Amino acid sequence: MALFPNASTYVMAGLEPPGNIPPLASLNKATLGRTERGMEAALGNLMKLSYFITKNMSNQLRPGPVYGTLPVIYIFLARSGATIDETTFVSVDSAGNEIPGDPNQKSAAKGVKIVFSLDGGPKKTLYYFSTDLSNGGAKNSGFLAFCEKLGANGADAFVKSASYLLHGSNFSTVRSFLLDHSASILQDDTGIPFSYFDRAKWQPQPFGHYTRPIAVFSHKYQPKLAELYNKGNPIPIDFGLGYRFRVKESSVLLVQKKAVEPKVN
């Protein structure tokens, strides 16, 4: 909402289950206390580093009566001053059609739909889907078809702290989808490698500072991205984002699809 405040619909995806609507009113004091401490622990890395650590998420977001990503989403909506008007569980079929869902059902793309508003403004919709975005999962879930219907005229994409998955061959389907269907892509260096953007079709604008990836991903250094930052007049930012979360080390790249010139016969 900070980066795309005028969007009417947001779609988020991950492997973690959406969970259920938090039954806070029915919890006794001791259970509620444990729940609050569990949420604090689950949000610890995100608040300190700006990202979740994948190996910790399954332990932090699954146990207890309040579980999954929905409580986390609720917390951030509340802290953003949002009013939640409606929450329903949804799934998508293989053709990408939204259908009623159940948090306990098995589905290749099950999720939650939240309708909310900010400061009395127009209602917005946020979807979170638990789905596999690797090639095998993306081709069979209907999730990308669902996204294509929502953004038929071009949508904006945002990628951060993505473990450099879009650099690999096993995520080529979703990488191609983003390149084909996005009007703009905002990402840190874990997103689509800069070498995939055809400069005849895309206009890049770098922000911040590009430095080498953290040690565990040191092999994902991008010389072409470094060249862009050296020559492309990057715009300073006063916040940290992604694995290089310190302000003077964070990079954000905005690439916008150029308008297609009409052909003249």
Protein backbone atom coordinates (compact mmCIF):
# COMPACT_ATOMS: atom_id res chain seq x y z
CA MET A 1 0.00 0.00 0.00
CA ALA A 2 2.99 2.31 0.53
CA LEU A 3 4.36 1.66 -2.96
CA PHE A 4 1.08 1.21 -4.86
CA PRO A 5 -1.42 3.33 -2.89
CA ASN A 6 -3.85 3.79 -5.76
CA ALA A 7 -4.28 0.11 -6.58
CA SER A 8 -7.77 -1.30 -6.09
CA THR A 9 -6.69 -4.94 -5.85
CA TYR A 10 -3.62 -6.60 -4.35
CA VAL A 11 -2.67 -10.25 -4.88
CA MET A 12 -0.09 -11.92 -2.64
CA ALA A 13 1.17 -15.49 -2.84
CA GLY A 14 3.35 -17.79 -0.76
CA LEU A 15 3.61 -21.36 0.46
CA GLU A 16 2.27 -20.76 3.96
CA PRO A 17 -1.42 -21.52 4.60
CA PRO A 18 -3.82 -18.58 5.01
CA GLY A 19 -5.00 -20.06 8.30
CA ASN A 20 -8.36 -19.12 9.78
CA ILE A 21 -10.00 -15.96 11.05
CA PRO A 22 -8.36 -15.41 14.45
CA PRO A 23 -10.87 -16.47 17.18
CA LEU A 24 -9.49 -13.95 19.68
CA ALA A 25 -12.75 -13.39 21.56
CA SER A 26 -12.98 -17.07 22.48
CA LEU A 27 -9.44 -17.47 23.82
CA ASN A 28 -8.73 -17.51 27.55
CA LYS A 29 -6.18 -15.08 28.96
CA ALA A 30 -3.30 -17.59 29.07
CA THR A 31 -3.85 -18.78 25.50
CA LEU A 32 -4.23 -15.21 24.27
CA GLY A 33 -0.91 -14.31 25.92
CA ARG A 34 0.86 -17.22 24.25
CA THR A 35 -0.72 -16.24 20.95
CA GLU A 36 0.50 -12.66 21.25
CA ARG A 37 4.02 -13.82 22.07
CA GLY A 38 3.90 -16.21 19.11
CA MET A 39 2.88 -13.39 16.77
CA GLU A 40 5.66 -11.22 18.16
CA ALA A 41 8.19 -13.97 17.45
CA ALA A 42 6.78 -14.57 13.95
CA LEU A 43 7.10 -10.87 13.11
CA GLY A 44 10.55 -10.48 14.67
CA ASN A 45 12.64 -11.03 11.54
CA LEU A 46 10.27 -9.05 9.35
CA MET A 47 10.37 -6.03 11.65
CA LYS A 48 14.14 -6.14 12.15
CA LEU A 49 15.29 -7.26 8.70
CA SER A 50 12.31 -6.47 6.40
CA TYR A 51 11.77 -10.12 5.40
CA PHE A 52 10.68 -13.50 6.76
CA ILE A 53 13.17 -16.36 6.98
CA THR A 54 11.66 -19.29 5.10
CA LYS A 55 12.96 -22.08 7.32
CA ASN A 56 11.42 -20.41 10.39
CA MET A 57 8.01 -19.65 8.93
CA SER A 58 6.60 -23.18 9.10
CA ASN A 59 7.24 -23.30 12.84
CA GLN A 60 6.15 -19.74 13.54
CA LEU A 61 2.96 -19.52 11.45
CA ARG A 62 1.45 -23.00 11.81
CA PRO A 63 0.97 -23.95 15.50
CA GLY A 64 -1.78 -22.87 17.90
CA PRO A 65 -5.37 -21.68 17.53
CA VAL A 66 -4.18 -18.53 15.68
CA TYR A 67 -2.07 -19.63 12.72
CA GLY A 68 -1.20 -18.94 9.10
CA THR A 69 -0.66 -15.67 7.28
CA LEU A 70 -4.11 -14.20 7.92
CA PRO A 71 -3.32 -12.99 11.47
CA VAL A 72 -0.14 -11.32 10.16
CA ILE A 73 -2.08 -9.62 7.37
CA TYR A 74 -4.69 -8.48 9.91
CA ILE A 75 -1.98 -6.92 12.08
CA PHE A 76 -0.52 -4.91 9.22
CA LEU A 77 -3.93 -3.80 7.95
CA ALA A 78 -4.82 -2.64 11.47
CA ARG A 79 -1.50 -0.83 11.91
CA SER A 80 -2.09 0.85 8.53
CA GLY A 81 -5.38 2.25 9.81
CA ALA A 82 -7.53 0.02 7.60
CA THR A 83 -11.10 -1.01 8.30
CA ILE A 84 -11.75 -4.64 7.36
CA ASP A 85 -15.21 -4.92 5.86
CA GLU A 86 -15.31 -8.58 4.84
CA THR A 87 -13.15 -11.70 4.87
CA THR A 88 -14.01 -14.80 2.85
CA PHE A 89 -12.12 -17.94 1.88
CA VAL A 90 -11.67 -18.54 -1.83
CA SER A 91 -9.95 -20.87 -4.28
CA VAL A 92 -9.36 -20.77 -8.00
CA ASP A 93 -10.15 -23.50 -10.47
CA SER A 94 -7.81 -24.62 -13.25
CA ALA A 95 -9.22 -21.93 -15.57
CA GLY A 96 -8.46 -19.17 -13.07
CA ASN A 97 -12.02 -18.57 -11.92
CA GLU A 98 -12.57 -17.51 -8.32
CA ILE A 99 -14.72 -20.03 -6.43
CA PRO A 100 -15.83 -20.33 -2.79
CA GLY A 101 -13.18 -21.95 -0.63
CA ASP A 102 -12.63 -23.58 2.72
CA PRO A 103 -9.47 -23.09 4.82
CA ASN A 104 -9.34 -26.83 5.46
CA GLN A 105 -9.84 -28.04 1.89
CA LYS A 106 -7.05 -29.28 -0.34
CA SER A 107 -6.50 -27.08 -3.35
CA ALA A 108 -3.62 -26.11 -5.62
CA ALA A 109 -4.41 -22.45 -4.90
CA LYS A 110 -6.49 -21.82 -1.80
CA GLY A 111 -6.63 -18.43 -0.24
CA VAL A 112 -8.44 -15.62 1.47
CA LYS A 113 -10.12 -12.47 0.14
CA ILE A 114 -10.19 -9.37 2.33
CA VAL A 115 -12.22 -6.28 1.46
CA PHE A 116 -10.99 -3.21 3.33
CA SER A 117 -10.90 0.57 3.22
CA LEU A 118 -8.54 3.31 4.38
CA ASP A 119 -9.70 6.54 6.00
CA GLY A 120 -13.19 6.24 4.58
CA GLY A 121 -11.85 5.88 1.04
CA PRO A 122 -12.99 3.42 -1.63
CA LYS A 123 -13.04 -0.26 -0.81
CA LYS A 124 -9.98 -2.26 -1.83
CA THR A 125 -9.48 -6.00 -2.16
CA LEU A 126 -6.53 -8.04 -0.96
CA TYR A 127 -6.06 -11.70 -1.93
CA TYR A 128 -3.57 -14.04 -0.35
CA PHE A 129 -3.11 -17.46 -1.95
CA SER A 130 -1.15 -20.41 -0.65
CA THR A 131 0.27 -21.87 -3.85
CA ASP A 132 3.43 -23.26 -5.41
CA LEU A 133 4.92 -20.84 -7.95
CA SER A 134 7.53 -23.24 -9.31
CA ASN A 135 6.97 -24.42 -12.89
CA GLY A 136 5.05 -27.56 -11.95
CA GLY A 137 2.82 -25.79 -9.45
CA ALA A 138 2.18 -22.67 -11.52
CA LYS A 139 1.14 -24.60 -14.62
CA ASN A 140 -1.48 -26.65 -12.76
CA SER A 141 -2.97 -24.35 -10.12
CA GLY A 142 -4.93 -21.79 -12.16
CA PHE A 143 -3.33 -19.02 -10.10
CA LEU A 144 -1.61 -17.29 -13.03
CA ALA A 145 -4.81 -17.47 -15.07
CA PHE A 146 -6.60 -15.77 -12.17
CA CYS A 147 -3.98 -13.01 -12.11
CA GLU A 148 -4.20 -12.59 -15.88
CA LYS A 149 -7.95 -11.96 -15.65
CA LEU A 150 -7.48 -9.35 -12.94
CA GLY A 151 -4.77 -7.52 -14.86
CA ALA A 152 -6.04 -7.91 -18.40
CA ASN A 153 -4.88 -4.40 -19.29
CA GLY A 154 -1.53 -4.70 -17.54
CA ALA A 155 -0.79 -4.72 -13.84
CA ASP A 156 2.05 -3.78 -11.51
CA ALA A 157 4.29 -6.43 -9.95
CA PHE A 158 6.38 -6.27 -6.79
CA VAL A 159 9.11 -8.75 -5.86
CA LYS A 160 11.34 -8.63 -2.80
CA SER A 161 13.39 -11.05 -0.68
CA ALA A 162 12.54 -13.82 -3.14
CA SER A 163 15.57 -16.08 -2.59
CA TYR A 164 16.60 -15.34 -6.20
CA LEU A 165 14.12 -18.02 -7.33
CA LEU A 166 13.27 -16.06 -10.48
CA HIS A 167 16.91 -16.44 -11.54
CA GLY A 168 16.50 -20.21 -11.94
CA SER A 169 15.01 -22.43 -14.63
CA ASN A 170 12.45 -23.97 -12.25
CA PHE A 171 10.63 -20.62 -11.99
CA SER A 172 10.74 -19.71 -15.68
CA THR A 173 6.93 -19.92 -16.01
CA VAL A 174 6.17 -17.22 -13.46
CA ARG A 175 9.15 -15.16 -14.66
CA SER A 176 7.80 -15.19 -18.22
CA PHE A 177 4.31 -14.42 -16.93
CA LEU A 178 5.54 -11.31 -15.14
CA LEU A 179 7.46 -10.12 -18.20
CA ASP A 180 4.49 -10.71 -20.50
CA HIS A 181 1.71 -9.29 -18.32
CA SER A 182 3.22 -6.51 -16.21
CA ALA A 183 3.00 -2.83 -17.08
CA SER A 184 5.67 -2.20 -14.46
CA ILE A 185 7.82 -4.32 -12.16
CA LEU A 186 9.27 -3.03 -8.91
CA GLN A 187 11.83 -5.34 -7.34
CA ASP A 188 15.00 -5.74 -5.37
CA ASP A 189 17.86 -7.71 -6.91
CA THR A 190 16.24 -11.05 -5.93
CA GLY A 191 13.62 -10.55 -8.63
CA ILE A 192 13.92 -11.07 -12.38
CA PRO A 193 17.59 -10.77 -13.48
CA PHE A 194 18.17 -7.45 -15.19
CA SER A 195 19.56 -9.25 -18.25
CA TYR A 196 16.03 -10.51 -19.03
CA PHE A 197 14.70 -7.01 -19.66
CA ASP A 198 14.87 -6.05 -23.32
CA ARG A 199 15.87 -2.37 -23.30
CA ALA A 200 13.84 -1.84 -26.46
CA LYS A 201 10.71 -2.80 -24.48
CA TRP A 202 11.49 -1.75 -20.90
CA GLN A 203 12.62 1.53 -19.32
CA PRO A 204 14.60 0.99 -16.10
CA GLN A 205 14.98 3.42 -13.21
CA PRO A 206 17.33 2.36 -10.40
CA PHE A 207 16.89 3.51 -6.81
CA GLY A 208 19.28 3.21 -3.90
CA HIS A 209 22.60 1.37 -3.98
CA TYR A 210 23.37 -1.99 -5.58
CA THR A 211 25.91 -4.00 -3.65
CA ARG A 212 26.88 -7.64 -3.87
CA PRO A 213 24.28 -10.12 -2.57
CA ILE A 214 24.62 -11.43 0.97
CA ALA A 215 27.08 -14.30 1.42
CA VAL A 216 24.63 -17.18 1.02
CA PHE A 217 23.62 -15.78 -2.41
CA SER A 218 27.00 -14.36 -3.45
CA HIS A 219 26.86 -16.27 -6.75
CA LYS A 220 23.81 -14.21 -7.79
CA TYR A 221 25.80 -11.02 -8.40
CA GLN A 222 24.61 -9.25 -11.58
CA PRO A 223 27.30 -7.36 -13.53
CA LYS A 224 24.71 -5.80 -15.88
CA LEU A 225 22.71 -4.50 -12.93
CA ALA A 226 25.89 -3.09 -11.40
CA GLU A 227 26.62 -1.33 -14.69
CA LEU A 228 23.13 0.21 -14.68
CA TYR A 229 23.69 1.55 -11.18
CA ASN A 230 27.07 2.96 -12.17
CA LYS A 231 25.72 4.76 -15.23
CA GLY A 232 21.96 5.09 -14.71
CA ASN A 233 21.80 7.92 -12.14
CA PRO A 234 20.09 5.99 -9.33
CA ILE A 235 17.68 7.99 -7.18
CA PRO A 236 18.50 7.87 -3.43
CA ILE A 237 16.06 6.19 -1.02
CA ASP A 238 15.83 6.72 2.73
CA PHE A 239 14.62 3.23 3.68
CA GLY A 240 15.97 -0.31 3.64
CA LEU A 241 14.42 -3.20 1.73
CA GLY A 242 15.23 -6.87 1.16
CA TYR A 243 18.26 -8.86 2.22
CA ARG A 244 20.46 -5.78 2.08
CA PHE A 245 18.14 -4.06 4.52
CA ARG A 246 20.46 -1.25 5.62
CA VAL A 247 19.59 2.06 4.02
CA LYS A 248 22.91 2.64 2.25
CA GLU A 249 22.96 -0.94 0.88
CA SER A 250 19.39 -1.36 -0.43
CA SER A 251 18.56 -1.36 -4.12
CA VAL A 252 15.15 -1.05 -5.73
CA LEU A 253 14.67 -1.26 -9.49
CA LEU A 254 11.60 0.05 -11.30
CA VAL A 255 11.18 -1.17 -14.88
CA GLN A 256 8.27 0.13 -16.92
CA LYS A 257 7.06 -1.30 -20.19
CA LYS A 258 7.38 1.18 -23.03
CA ALA A 259 4.33 2.14 -25.07
CA VAL A 260 4.09 0.26 -28.35
CA GLU A 261 4.29 2.59 -31.33
CA PRO A 262 1.39 2.03 -33.76
CA LYS A 263 2.41 0.60 -37.09
CA VAL A 264 2.02 2.90 -40.10
CA ASN A 265 1.09 1.23 -43.39
